[in-house]
């Protein structure tokens, strides 16, 4: 299982979670099968008419997106791709990973 997480900094498992998906300076992808964490800078092209930011992230093949806040359009695009949307009250990547089986289903958006 792969979980995509918007983060604030590149500090490995101690990286802080970004409070809003669209403003994250970095993303992390954690592969639970291989116990591998990769962090990459948010270089999504929001002006690309052929590939949405969500489509651009699909190259990482996430199964789950962990977010605190996210807009309605991104929610719909991830759902269309079959990505499970999860949330919780965690501040660091390691907390999300340690509680991966107890994450809550995301039930709403930030309103935009």
N, C-alpha and C. Protein backbone atom coordinates (compact mmCIF):
# COMPACT_ATOMS: atom_id res chain seq x y z
N UNK A 1 0.84 -1.17 0.00
CA UNK A 1 0.00 0.00 0.00
C UNK A 1 0.89 1.24 0.00
N UNK A 2 0.50 2.22 -0.81
CA UNK A 2 1.25 3.48 -0.87
C UNK A 2 0.35 4.62 -0.39
N UNK A 3 0.91 5.44 0.48
CA UNK A 3 0.16 6.57 1.01
C UNK A 3 0.89 7.87 0.64
N UNK A 4 0.16 8.79 0.04
CA UNK A 4 0.67 10.09 -0.36
C UNK A 4 0.30 11.11 0.72
N UNK A 5 1.30 11.92 1.13
CA UNK A 5 1.10 12.85 2.24
C UNK A 5 1.68 14.21 1.87
N UNK A 6 0.88 15.29 1.92
CA UNK A 6 1.43 16.63 1.71
C UNK A 6 2.18 17.07 2.97
N UNK A 7 3.41 17.56 2.78
CA UNK A 7 4.24 17.89 3.95
C UNK A 7 4.87 19.28 3.84
N UNK A 8 5.37 19.76 4.96
CA UNK A 8 5.94 21.10 5.05
C UNK A 8 7.43 21.17 4.78
N UNK A 9 8.15 20.06 5.04
CA UNK A 9 9.61 20.09 4.93
C UNK A 9 10.12 18.70 4.61
N UNK A 10 11.39 18.65 4.24
CA UNK A 10 12.03 17.38 3.92
C UNK A 10 12.90 16.97 5.11
N UNK A 11 12.26 16.34 6.11
CA UNK A 11 12.95 15.88 7.31
C UNK A 11 12.66 14.40 7.57
N UNK A 12 12.48 13.65 6.50
CA UNK A 12 12.21 12.22 6.65
C UNK A 12 10.93 11.98 7.44
N UNK A 13 10.94 10.99 8.29
CA UNK A 13 9.75 10.63 9.08
C UNK A 13 9.33 11.74 10.05
N UNK A 14 10.22 12.69 10.32
CA UNK A 14 9.88 13.80 11.21
C UNK A 14 9.32 15.01 10.46
N UNK A 15 9.08 14.87 9.16
CA UNK A 15 8.51 15.96 8.38
C UNK A 15 7.10 16.28 8.88
N UNK A 16 6.81 17.58 8.99
CA UNK A 16 5.50 18.02 9.43
C UNK A 16 4.47 17.93 8.31
N UNK A 17 3.24 17.62 8.70
CA UNK A 17 2.14 17.51 7.75
C UNK A 17 1.65 18.90 7.38
N UNK A 18 1.46 19.13 6.08
CA UNK A 18 0.90 20.39 5.60
C UNK A 18 -0.59 20.41 5.92
N UNK A 19 -1.06 21.53 6.42
CA UNK A 19 -2.47 21.63 6.79
C UNK A 19 -3.39 21.74 5.59
N UNK A 20 -2.85 22.05 4.42
CA UNK A 20 -3.69 22.13 3.22
C UNK A 20 -2.95 21.53 2.04
N UNK A 21 -3.57 20.57 1.40
CA UNK A 21 -2.99 19.84 0.29
C UNK A 21 -2.40 20.76 -0.78
N UNK A 22 -3.15 21.74 -1.22
CA UNK A 22 -2.73 22.59 -2.32
C UNK A 22 -1.58 23.53 -2.02
N UNK A 23 -1.26 23.71 -0.75
CA UNK A 23 -0.18 24.62 -0.37
C UNK A 23 1.06 23.90 0.14
N UNK A 24 1.09 22.59 0.02
CA UNK A 24 2.22 21.82 0.53
C UNK A 24 3.48 22.07 -0.29
N UNK A 25 4.58 22.44 0.35
CA UNK A 25 5.82 22.63 -0.41
C UNK A 25 6.47 21.31 -0.85
N UNK A 26 6.10 20.22 -0.17
CA UNK A 26 6.65 18.89 -0.49
C UNK A 26 5.53 17.86 -0.39
N UNK A 27 5.80 16.70 -0.97
CA UNK A 27 4.95 15.53 -0.81
C UNK A 27 5.82 14.36 -0.39
N UNK A 28 5.23 13.44 0.35
CA UNK A 28 5.90 12.20 0.70
C UNK A 28 5.04 11.06 0.18
N UNK A 29 5.71 10.01 -0.25
CA UNK A 29 5.01 8.79 -0.61
C UNK A 29 5.65 7.66 0.20
N UNK A 30 4.82 6.98 0.98
CA UNK A 30 5.30 5.89 1.83
C UNK A 30 4.76 4.59 1.29
N UNK A 31 5.65 3.66 1.04
CA UNK A 31 5.29 2.33 0.55
C UNK A 31 5.39 1.37 1.73
N UNK A 32 4.24 0.91 2.24
CA UNK A 32 4.24 0.04 3.41
C UNK A 32 4.80 -1.35 3.09
N UNK A 33 4.69 -1.79 1.86
CA UNK A 33 5.22 -3.10 1.48
C UNK A 33 6.74 -3.12 1.60
N UNK A 34 7.38 -2.07 1.11
CA UNK A 34 8.84 -1.99 1.13
C UNK A 34 9.38 -1.18 2.31
N UNK A 35 8.48 -0.63 3.13
CA UNK A 35 8.86 0.25 4.23
C UNK A 35 9.81 1.35 3.74
N UNK A 36 9.37 2.01 2.65
CA UNK A 36 10.21 3.00 1.99
C UNK A 36 9.49 4.35 1.92
N UNK A 37 10.21 5.40 2.26
CA UNK A 37 9.67 6.76 2.22
C UNK A 37 10.45 7.57 1.19
N UNK A 38 9.72 8.22 0.29
CA UNK A 38 10.33 9.13 -0.68
C UNK A 38 9.68 10.49 -0.51
N UNK A 39 10.50 11.52 -0.53
CA UNK A 39 10.02 12.90 -0.41
C UNK A 39 10.43 13.65 -1.66
N UNK A 40 9.50 14.44 -2.19
CA UNK A 40 9.80 15.23 -3.38
C UNK A 40 9.14 16.60 -3.28
N UNK A 41 9.77 17.57 -3.91
CA UNK A 41 9.29 18.94 -3.91
C UNK A 41 8.01 19.04 -4.72
N UNK A 42 7.10 19.90 -4.27
CA UNK A 42 5.86 20.15 -4.99
C UNK A 42 6.16 21.03 -6.20
N UNK A 43 6.25 20.40 -7.34
CA UNK A 43 6.47 21.13 -8.59
C UNK A 43 5.31 20.89 -9.56
N UNK A 44 4.11 20.77 -9.00
CA UNK A 44 2.94 20.52 -9.82
C UNK A 44 2.64 21.73 -10.70
N UNK A 45 2.30 21.46 -11.93
CA UNK A 45 1.98 22.50 -12.89
C UNK A 45 0.46 22.67 -12.92
N UNK A 46 -0.01 23.73 -12.26
CA UNK A 46 -1.45 23.98 -12.17
C UNK A 46 -2.02 24.58 -13.46
N UNK A 47 -1.15 24.99 -14.37
CA UNK A 47 -1.61 25.58 -15.63
C UNK A 47 -1.67 24.57 -16.76
N UNK A 48 -1.24 23.34 -16.50
CA UNK A 48 -1.25 22.30 -17.53
C UNK A 48 -2.70 21.94 -17.87
N UNK A 49 -3.09 22.19 -19.10
CA UNK A 49 -4.47 21.95 -19.53
C UNK A 49 -4.76 20.46 -19.79
N UNK A 50 -3.72 19.66 -19.96
CA UNK A 50 -3.92 18.26 -20.29
C UNK A 50 -3.76 17.32 -19.10
N UNK A 51 -3.11 17.81 -18.03
CA UNK A 51 -2.86 16.96 -16.86
C UNK A 51 -3.05 17.77 -15.59
N UNK A 52 -4.10 17.45 -14.84
CA UNK A 52 -4.36 18.14 -13.58
C UNK A 52 -3.25 17.81 -12.58
N UNK A 53 -3.12 18.60 -11.51
CA UNK A 53 -2.16 18.25 -10.46
C UNK A 53 -2.39 16.83 -9.90
N UNK A 54 -3.64 16.43 -9.80
CA UNK A 54 -3.93 15.07 -9.33
C UNK A 54 -3.37 14.05 -10.31
N UNK A 55 -3.60 14.27 -11.61
CA UNK A 55 -3.04 13.37 -12.62
C UNK A 55 -1.52 13.31 -12.54
N UNK A 56 -0.90 14.46 -12.29
CA UNK A 56 0.55 14.51 -12.19
C UNK A 56 1.07 13.69 -11.01
N UNK A 57 0.30 13.61 -9.94
CA UNK A 57 0.71 12.83 -8.76
C UNK A 57 0.48 11.34 -8.93
N UNK A 58 -0.33 10.96 -9.90
CA UNK A 58 -0.65 9.55 -10.09
C UNK A 58 0.56 8.73 -10.55
N UNK A 59 1.64 9.36 -10.98
CA UNK A 59 2.84 8.60 -11.36
C UNK A 59 3.43 7.86 -10.16
N UNK A 60 3.03 8.28 -8.95
CA UNK A 60 3.52 7.64 -7.73
C UNK A 60 2.62 6.48 -7.28
N UNK A 61 1.52 6.26 -8.00
CA UNK A 61 0.60 5.15 -7.74
C UNK A 61 0.12 5.05 -6.30
N UNK A 62 -0.38 6.15 -5.73
CA UNK A 62 -0.87 6.07 -4.35
C UNK A 62 -2.17 5.28 -4.25
N UNK A 63 -2.34 4.63 -3.13
CA UNK A 63 -3.60 3.95 -2.81
C UNK A 63 -4.44 4.84 -1.89
N UNK A 64 -3.73 5.64 -1.08
CA UNK A 64 -4.36 6.48 -0.06
C UNK A 64 -3.75 7.87 -0.13
N UNK A 65 -4.58 8.87 0.07
CA UNK A 65 -4.11 10.24 0.26
C UNK A 65 -4.46 10.63 1.68
N UNK A 66 -3.46 11.00 2.47
CA UNK A 66 -3.69 11.50 3.82
C UNK A 66 -3.65 13.03 3.74
N UNK A 67 -4.72 13.69 4.17
CA UNK A 67 -4.78 15.15 4.16
C UNK A 67 -5.51 15.67 5.38
N UNK A 68 -5.21 16.91 5.73
CA UNK A 68 -5.96 17.59 6.77
C UNK A 68 -7.07 18.41 6.11
N UNK A 69 -6.71 19.17 5.08
CA UNK A 69 -7.68 19.97 4.32
C UNK A 69 -7.37 19.89 2.84
N UNK A 70 -8.43 19.88 2.04
CA UNK A 70 -8.29 19.75 0.59
C UNK A 70 -9.56 20.29 -0.05
N UNK A 71 -9.43 20.84 -1.24
CA UNK A 71 -10.58 21.41 -1.94
C UNK A 71 -11.47 20.35 -2.58
N UNK A 72 -12.71 20.75 -2.88
CA UNK A 72 -13.70 19.84 -3.46
C UNK A 72 -13.26 19.23 -4.79
N UNK A 73 -12.68 20.05 -5.66
CA UNK A 73 -12.27 19.55 -6.99
C UNK A 73 -11.22 18.44 -6.84
N UNK A 74 -10.22 18.66 -5.99
CA UNK A 74 -9.19 17.64 -5.79
C UNK A 74 -9.80 16.37 -5.19
N UNK A 75 -10.73 16.52 -4.26
CA UNK A 75 -11.40 15.35 -3.68
C UNK A 75 -12.05 14.53 -4.78
N UNK A 76 -12.80 15.19 -5.64
CA UNK A 76 -13.50 14.48 -6.71
C UNK A 76 -12.53 13.80 -7.66
N UNK A 77 -11.44 14.48 -8.02
CA UNK A 77 -10.46 13.89 -8.92
C UNK A 77 -9.78 12.66 -8.30
N UNK A 78 -9.43 12.74 -7.03
CA UNK A 78 -8.83 11.58 -6.38
C UNK A 78 -9.82 10.42 -6.29
N UNK A 79 -11.07 10.72 -5.97
CA UNK A 79 -12.09 9.67 -5.89
C UNK A 79 -12.29 9.00 -7.24
N UNK A 80 -12.28 9.80 -8.31
CA UNK A 80 -12.43 9.23 -9.66
C UNK A 80 -11.28 8.28 -9.98
N UNK A 81 -10.13 8.51 -9.40
CA UNK A 81 -8.95 7.66 -9.63
C UNK A 81 -8.94 6.45 -8.69
N UNK A 82 -9.94 6.36 -7.80
CA UNK A 82 -10.02 5.23 -6.87
C UNK A 82 -9.11 5.36 -5.67
N UNK A 83 -8.67 6.58 -5.37
CA UNK A 83 -7.78 6.82 -4.24
C UNK A 83 -8.62 7.05 -2.99
N UNK A 84 -8.30 6.35 -1.93
CA UNK A 84 -8.97 6.51 -0.65
C UNK A 84 -8.46 7.77 0.03
N UNK A 85 -9.35 8.59 0.56
CA UNK A 85 -8.99 9.83 1.22
C UNK A 85 -9.12 9.67 2.72
N UNK A 86 -8.01 9.87 3.42
CA UNK A 86 -7.97 9.68 4.87
C UNK A 86 -7.50 10.95 5.55
N UNK A 87 -7.82 11.08 6.83
CA UNK A 87 -7.40 12.22 7.63
C UNK A 87 -7.19 11.77 9.07
N UNK A 88 -6.79 12.70 9.89
CA UNK A 88 -6.57 12.42 11.30
C UNK A 88 -5.91 13.62 11.95
N UNK A 89 -5.58 13.47 13.20
CA UNK A 89 -4.99 14.57 13.97
C UNK A 89 -3.51 14.28 14.23
N UNK A 90 -2.74 14.16 13.14
CA UNK A 90 -1.33 13.82 13.25
C UNK A 90 -0.49 14.96 12.69
N UNK A 91 0.68 15.18 13.31
CA UNK A 91 1.52 16.31 12.92
C UNK A 91 2.76 15.91 12.14
N UNK A 92 3.16 14.65 12.19
CA UNK A 92 4.38 14.17 11.54
C UNK A 92 4.08 12.93 10.70
N UNK A 93 4.91 12.72 9.67
CA UNK A 93 4.75 11.52 8.84
C UNK A 93 4.76 10.26 9.69
N UNK A 94 5.72 10.17 10.63
CA UNK A 94 5.84 8.95 11.42
C UNK A 94 4.55 8.65 12.19
N UNK A 95 3.83 9.68 12.63
CA UNK A 95 2.56 9.47 13.35
C UNK A 95 1.50 8.91 12.41
N UNK A 96 1.47 9.41 11.18
CA UNK A 96 0.52 8.89 10.19
C UNK A 96 0.82 7.41 9.93
N UNK A 97 2.09 7.09 9.70
CA UNK A 97 2.50 5.71 9.41
C UNK A 97 2.20 4.79 10.58
N UNK A 98 2.50 5.23 11.80
CA UNK A 98 2.26 4.41 12.99
C UNK A 98 0.77 4.14 13.21
N UNK A 99 -0.09 5.02 12.67
CA UNK A 99 -1.53 4.90 12.87
C UNK A 99 -2.28 4.63 11.57
N UNK A 100 -1.59 4.07 10.60
CA UNK A 100 -2.15 3.91 9.26
C UNK A 100 -3.47 3.13 9.25
N UNK A 101 -3.62 2.18 10.14
CA UNK A 101 -4.85 1.39 10.19
C UNK A 101 -5.98 2.09 10.93
N UNK A 102 -5.67 3.20 11.59
CA UNK A 102 -6.69 3.91 12.37
C UNK A 102 -7.04 5.28 11.79
N UNK A 103 -6.59 5.57 10.57
CA UNK A 103 -6.90 6.86 9.96
C UNK A 103 -8.39 6.97 9.69
N UNK A 104 -8.91 8.18 9.82
CA UNK A 104 -10.33 8.43 9.58
C UNK A 104 -10.60 8.68 8.10
N UNK A 105 -11.78 8.35 7.65
CA UNK A 105 -12.21 8.70 6.29
C UNK A 105 -12.41 10.21 6.23
N UNK A 106 -11.94 10.83 5.17
CA UNK A 106 -12.16 12.27 4.98
C UNK A 106 -13.62 12.45 4.58
N UNK A 107 -14.34 13.30 5.32
CA UNK A 107 -15.77 13.47 5.06
C UNK A 107 -16.14 14.83 4.46
N UNK A 108 -15.20 15.76 4.42
CA UNK A 108 -15.53 17.07 3.88
C UNK A 108 -14.30 17.77 3.34
N UNK A 109 -14.53 18.92 2.76
CA UNK A 109 -13.45 19.69 2.18
C UNK A 109 -13.28 21.00 2.92
N UNK A 110 -12.30 21.75 2.48
CA UNK A 110 -12.05 23.07 3.08
C UNK A 110 -13.00 24.11 2.47
N UNK A 111 -13.81 23.70 1.51
CA UNK A 111 -14.83 24.58 0.97
C UNK A 111 -14.51 25.26 -0.34
N UNK A 112 -13.36 24.97 -0.92
CA UNK A 112 -13.09 25.57 -2.25
C UNK A 112 -12.59 24.54 -3.22
